[in-house]
Amino acid sequence: LPPGSFADWFESYRHRLPASPKRLVLLVVGTVLLGGVGWWLLRPPVPPIESTLPRAGAASASVSSGGTSAVGSSAAGSTTSTSSVELVVQASGAVAHPGVYRLAAGGRVDDLVRSAGGLASDADPDRVNLAAPVVDGERVWVPRRGEVEPPAVVAGAGGGGSAVGPASSPGGRSSSVPAAPVIVDLNTATAEQLDTLPGVGPATAAAILRYRDQHGPFSSVDDLLEVRGIGDAKLEQIRSLAKV
Protein backbone atom coordinates (compact mmCIF):
# COMPACT_ATOMS: atom_id res chain seq x y z
CA LEU A 1 0.00 0.00 0.00
CA PRO A 2 1.18 3.60 -0.60
CA PRO A 3 2.33 5.53 2.46
CA GLY A 4 -0.30 7.16 4.59
CA SER A 5 -3.55 5.92 6.05
CA PHE A 6 -5.97 3.67 4.25
CA ALA A 7 -8.55 6.50 4.10
CA ASP A 8 -6.06 8.88 2.42
CA TRP A 9 -5.09 6.24 -0.07
CA PHE A 10 -8.70 5.36 -0.85
CA GLU A 11 -9.59 9.04 -1.32
CA SER A 12 -6.70 9.58 -3.70
CA TYR A 13 -7.56 6.41 -5.58
CA ARG A 14 -11.20 7.51 -5.88
CA HIS A 15 -10.23 10.80 -7.52
CA ARG A 16 -8.19 8.99 -10.14
CA LEU A 17 -11.28 7.20 -11.48
CA PRO A 18 -13.64 8.95 -13.90
CA ALA A 19 -17.13 9.77 -12.57
CA SER A 20 -19.12 6.98 -14.19
CA PRO A 21 -20.99 3.73 -13.29
CA LYS A 22 -17.82 1.86 -14.11
CA ARG A 23 -16.01 3.89 -11.50
CA LEU A 24 -18.60 2.91 -8.87
CA VAL A 25 -18.29 -0.79 -9.71
CA LEU A 26 -14.51 -0.64 -9.44
CA LEU A 27 -14.77 1.09 -6.07
CA VAL A 28 -17.07 -1.66 -4.71
CA VAL A 29 -14.89 -4.46 -6.06
CA GLY A 30 -11.77 -2.85 -4.67
CA THR A 31 -13.35 -2.38 -1.29
CA VAL A 32 -14.42 -6.05 -1.13
CA LEU A 33 -10.98 -7.27 -2.18
CA LEU A 34 -9.21 -5.08 0.34
CA GLY A 35 -11.58 -6.22 3.08
CA GLY A 36 -11.00 -9.88 2.20
CA VAL A 37 -7.22 -9.51 2.18
CA GLY A 38 -7.29 -7.66 5.47
CA TRP A 39 -9.44 -10.39 7.14
CA TRP A 40 -7.14 -13.13 5.85
CA LEU A 41 -4.06 -11.38 7.22
CA LEU A 42 -5.64 -10.61 10.57
CA ARG A 43 -7.62 -13.83 11.13
CA PRO A 44 -7.02 -15.66 14.45
CA PRO A 45 -4.86 -18.81 14.32
CA VAL A 46 -6.65 -22.17 14.02
CA PRO A 47 -6.71 -23.93 17.41
CA PRO A 48 -4.73 -27.20 17.53
CA ILE A 49 -6.68 -30.46 17.25
CA GLU A 50 -7.08 -32.36 20.51
CA SER A 51 -4.90 -35.44 20.40
CA THR A 52 -6.63 -37.15 23.33
CA LEU A 53 -10.21 -37.52 24.55
CA PRO A 54 -11.25 -36.10 27.94
CA ARG A 55 -11.27 -38.55 30.80
CA ALA A 56 -14.61 -39.85 32.07
CA GLY A 57 -13.77 -38.68 35.57
CA ALA A 58 -13.28 -35.10 34.36
CA ALA A 59 -16.62 -35.18 32.55
CA SER A 60 -18.45 -36.34 35.62
CA ALA A 61 -16.65 -33.80 37.84
CA SER A 62 -17.72 -30.95 35.57
CA VAL A 63 -21.42 -31.52 36.29
CA SER A 64 -22.90 -28.84 38.53
CA SER A 65 -24.15 -29.74 41.97
CA GLY A 66 -27.75 -29.03 40.91
CA GLY A 67 -27.63 -31.46 37.94
CA THR A 68 -27.27 -35.18 37.47
CA SER A 69 -24.19 -36.67 35.81
CA ALA A 70 -24.83 -39.30 33.17
CA VAL A 71 -21.44 -40.82 33.89
CA GLY A 72 -22.16 -40.89 37.62
CA SER A 73 -25.56 -42.47 37.00
CA SER A 74 -23.97 -45.10 34.81
CA ALA A 75 -21.39 -45.86 37.47
CA ALA A 76 -24.10 -46.12 40.13
CA GLY A 77 -26.11 -48.46 37.93
CA SER A 78 -23.01 -50.58 37.36
CA THR A 79 -22.43 -50.81 41.11
CA THR A 80 -26.04 -51.83 41.69
CA SER A 81 -25.91 -54.54 39.05
CA THR A 82 -22.62 -55.82 40.45
CA SER A 83 -24.02 -56.10 43.97
CA SER A 84 -27.20 -57.80 42.76
CA VAL A 85 -25.37 -60.76 41.22
CA GLU A 86 -24.30 -62.08 44.63
CA LEU A 87 -26.51 -64.21 46.86
CA VAL A 88 -26.07 -64.59 50.62
CA VAL A 89 -27.50 -67.93 51.75
CA GLN A 90 -27.27 -69.93 54.98
CA ALA A 91 -26.55 -73.66 54.88
CA SER A 92 -27.82 -75.53 57.94
CA GLY A 93 -28.55 -79.06 58.95
CA ALA A 94 -26.63 -82.04 57.66
CA VAL A 95 -23.73 -80.32 55.89
CA ALA A 96 -20.06 -80.55 56.78
CA HIS A 97 -19.66 -76.86 57.62
CA PRO A 98 -22.95 -75.05 58.36
CA GLY A 99 -22.79 -71.30 57.93
CA VAL A 100 -23.49 -68.32 55.70
CA TYR A 101 -22.07 -68.43 52.18
CA ARG A 102 -21.98 -66.11 49.18
CA LEU A 103 -22.99 -67.54 45.81
CA ALA A 104 -23.25 -66.13 42.31
CA ALA A 105 -26.70 -65.28 40.97
CA GLY A 106 -28.51 -68.35 39.68
CA GLY A 107 -26.84 -70.57 42.26
CA ARG A 108 -28.33 -73.95 43.09
CA VAL A 109 -28.53 -75.97 46.28
CA ASP A 110 -25.69 -78.11 44.93
CA ASP A 111 -23.45 -75.00 44.83
CA LEU A 112 -24.34 -74.17 48.44
CA VAL A 113 -23.74 -77.74 49.63
CA ARG A 114 -20.35 -77.80 47.89
CA SER A 115 -19.43 -74.46 49.49
CA ALA A 116 -20.41 -75.93 52.89
CA GLY A 117 -18.07 -78.88 52.43
CA GLY A 118 -20.64 -81.37 51.11
CA LEU A 119 -23.30 -83.46 52.79
CA ALA A 120 -22.66 -84.75 56.29
CA SER A 121 -22.41 -88.48 56.91
CA ASP A 122 -25.87 -88.56 58.51
CA ALA A 123 -27.61 -86.55 55.76
CA ASP A 124 -30.67 -88.01 54.05
CA PRO A 125 -29.66 -87.64 50.36
CA ASP A 126 -33.03 -88.87 49.07
CA ARG A 127 -34.70 -85.76 50.54
CA VAL A 128 -32.24 -83.25 49.09
CA ASN A 129 -33.09 -81.53 45.83
CA LEU A 130 -29.65 -80.36 44.70
CA ALA A 131 -31.05 -78.83 41.51
CA ALA A 132 -33.34 -76.36 43.34
CA PRO A 133 -32.38 -72.67 42.91
CA VAL A 134 -31.48 -70.64 46.00
CA VAL A 135 -32.68 -67.12 46.82
CA ASP A 136 -30.81 -64.30 48.51
CA GLY A 137 -31.40 -64.25 52.27
CA GLU A 138 -32.84 -67.76 52.65
CA ARG A 139 -31.78 -70.59 54.93
CA VAL A 140 -31.43 -73.98 53.28
CA TRP A 141 -31.93 -76.86 55.69
CA VAL A 142 -30.50 -80.25 54.73
CA PRO A 143 -32.35 -82.98 56.66
CA ARG A 144 -30.69 -85.76 58.58
CA ARG A 145 -31.96 -89.31 58.50
CA GLY A 146 -35.00 -89.50 60.78
CA GLU A 147 -35.59 -85.74 60.98
CA VAL A 148 -39.05 -84.61 59.93
CA GLU A 149 -39.28 -80.82 60.29
CA PRO A 150 -36.61 -78.14 59.93
CA PRO A 151 -35.66 -76.28 63.12
CA ALA A 152 -37.47 -72.98 63.66
CA VAL A 153 -35.73 -69.76 62.64
CA VAL A 154 -34.74 -67.97 65.85
CA ALA A 155 -34.10 -64.51 64.34
CA GLY A 156 -34.58 -62.81 61.01
CA ALA A 157 -37.41 -62.94 58.55
CA GLY A 158 -35.28 -63.43 55.43
CA GLY A 159 -35.85 -66.58 53.47
CA GLY A 160 -37.16 -68.55 56.40
CA GLY A 161 -36.37 -72.20 57.05
CA SER A 162 -36.42 -73.86 53.68
CA ALA A 163 -36.36 -77.62 53.58
CA VAL A 164 -34.37 -78.94 50.65
CA GLY A 165 -36.76 -81.52 49.30
CA PRO A 166 -39.55 -82.00 46.79
CA ALA A 167 -41.88 -79.82 48.88
CA SER A 168 -39.61 -76.77 49.04
CA SER A 169 -40.29 -73.83 46.77
CA PRO A 170 -37.58 -71.98 44.79
CA GLY A 171 -38.59 -68.74 46.45
CA GLY A 172 -36.84 -69.65 49.70
CA ARG A 173 -39.97 -70.38 51.75
CA SER A 174 -41.16 -73.93 51.92
CA SER A 175 -44.52 -74.40 50.32
CA SER A 176 -45.08 -77.15 52.88
CA VAL A 177 -43.02 -78.80 55.58
CA PRO A 178 -41.98 -82.34 54.59
CA ALA A 179 -44.53 -84.66 56.15
CA ALA A 180 -43.59 -87.67 58.21
CA PRO A 181 -43.51 -90.83 56.09
CA VAL A 182 -46.72 -92.83 56.22
CA ILE A 183 -46.16 -96.46 57.19
CA VAL A 184 -48.57 -98.82 55.44
CA ASP A 185 -49.78 -101.96 57.21
CA LEU A 186 -49.74 -104.70 54.57
CA ASN A 187 -52.45 -106.69 56.37
CA THR A 188 -55.02 -103.87 56.69
CA ALA A 189 -54.19 -101.48 53.85
CA THR A 190 -56.62 -100.79 51.02
CA ALA A 191 -55.64 -100.75 47.38
CA GLU A 192 -55.39 -96.93 47.50
CA GLN A 193 -53.06 -97.07 50.51
CA LEU A 194 -50.89 -99.73 48.91
CA ASP A 195 -50.71 -97.60 45.78
CA THR A 196 -48.83 -94.93 47.79
CA LEU A 197 -45.85 -97.24 48.30
CA PRO A 198 -42.85 -96.60 46.02
CA GLY A 199 -42.88 -98.80 42.93
CA VAL A 200 -46.41 -100.03 43.64
CA GLY A 201 -49.08 -99.20 41.09
CA PRO A 202 -52.71 -100.31 40.78
CA ALA A 203 -51.75 -103.69 39.31
CA THR A 204 -49.21 -104.49 42.07
CA ALA A 205 -51.60 -103.26 44.77
CA ALA A 206 -54.28 -105.62 43.40
CA ALA A 207 -51.73 -108.46 43.40
CA ILE A 208 -50.90 -107.81 47.07
CA LEU A 209 -54.59 -107.89 48.04
CA ARG A 210 -55.12 -111.07 46.05
CA TYR A 211 -52.14 -112.75 47.75
CA ARG A 212 -53.47 -111.68 51.16
CA ASP A 213 -56.92 -113.13 50.39
CA GLN A 214 -55.45 -116.41 49.20
CA HIS A 215 -52.69 -116.95 51.78
CA GLY A 216 -53.81 -114.95 54.79
CA PRO A 217 -52.01 -112.10 56.54
CA PHE A 218 -48.38 -111.37 55.83
CA SER A 219 -46.03 -112.56 58.56
CA SER A 220 -43.24 -110.16 57.51
CA VAL A 221 -42.54 -107.52 54.90
CA ASP A 222 -40.22 -110.01 53.17
CA ASP A 223 -43.30 -112.06 52.21
CA LEU A 224 -43.90 -109.46 49.50
CA LEU A 225 -41.33 -111.36 47.43
CA GLU A 226 -44.02 -113.99 46.95
CA VAL A 227 -46.26 -111.42 45.25
CA ARG A 228 -46.07 -111.37 41.50
CA GLY A 229 -44.33 -108.25 40.24
CA ILE A 230 -42.25 -107.57 43.37
CA GLY A 231 -38.55 -108.37 43.31
CA ASP A 232 -35.60 -107.61 45.55
CA ALA A 233 -35.10 -104.05 44.23
CA LYS A 234 -38.75 -103.08 44.67
CA LEU A 235 -38.86 -104.71 48.11
CA GLU A 236 -35.97 -102.49 49.27
CA GLN A 237 -37.96 -99.46 48.17
CA ILE A 238 -40.99 -100.60 50.11
CA ARG A 239 -39.31 -102.01 53.23
CA SER A 240 -38.97 -98.79 55.25
CA LEU A 241 -42.57 -97.74 54.51
CA ALA A 242 -44.38 -101.01 55.17
CA LYS A 243 -45.13 -103.07 58.23
CA VAL A 244 -47.20 -106.05 59.32
Foldseek 3Di string as FASTA:
>chain_A
DDDDDPVVVLVVVLVVDDPDVVSVVVSVVVVVVVVVVVCVVPPDDDDDDDPDDDDPVVQQVPDDPVDDRPSVVVVVVVVVVVVVQKAWEFEDEFAQATDIDIDGHFAWQLVVSVVRVHGHPQFDVQFADRGQTAHHQAYEYTYGPPDFFDDFDPDDDGLGYAYGGPQQDSSSHGPDGHHDAAAAELQPDDLVVQCPQPPDHSVQSVQSVVCCVVPNGDPFLVCSCVGPPDDPVSSVSRRVRYTD
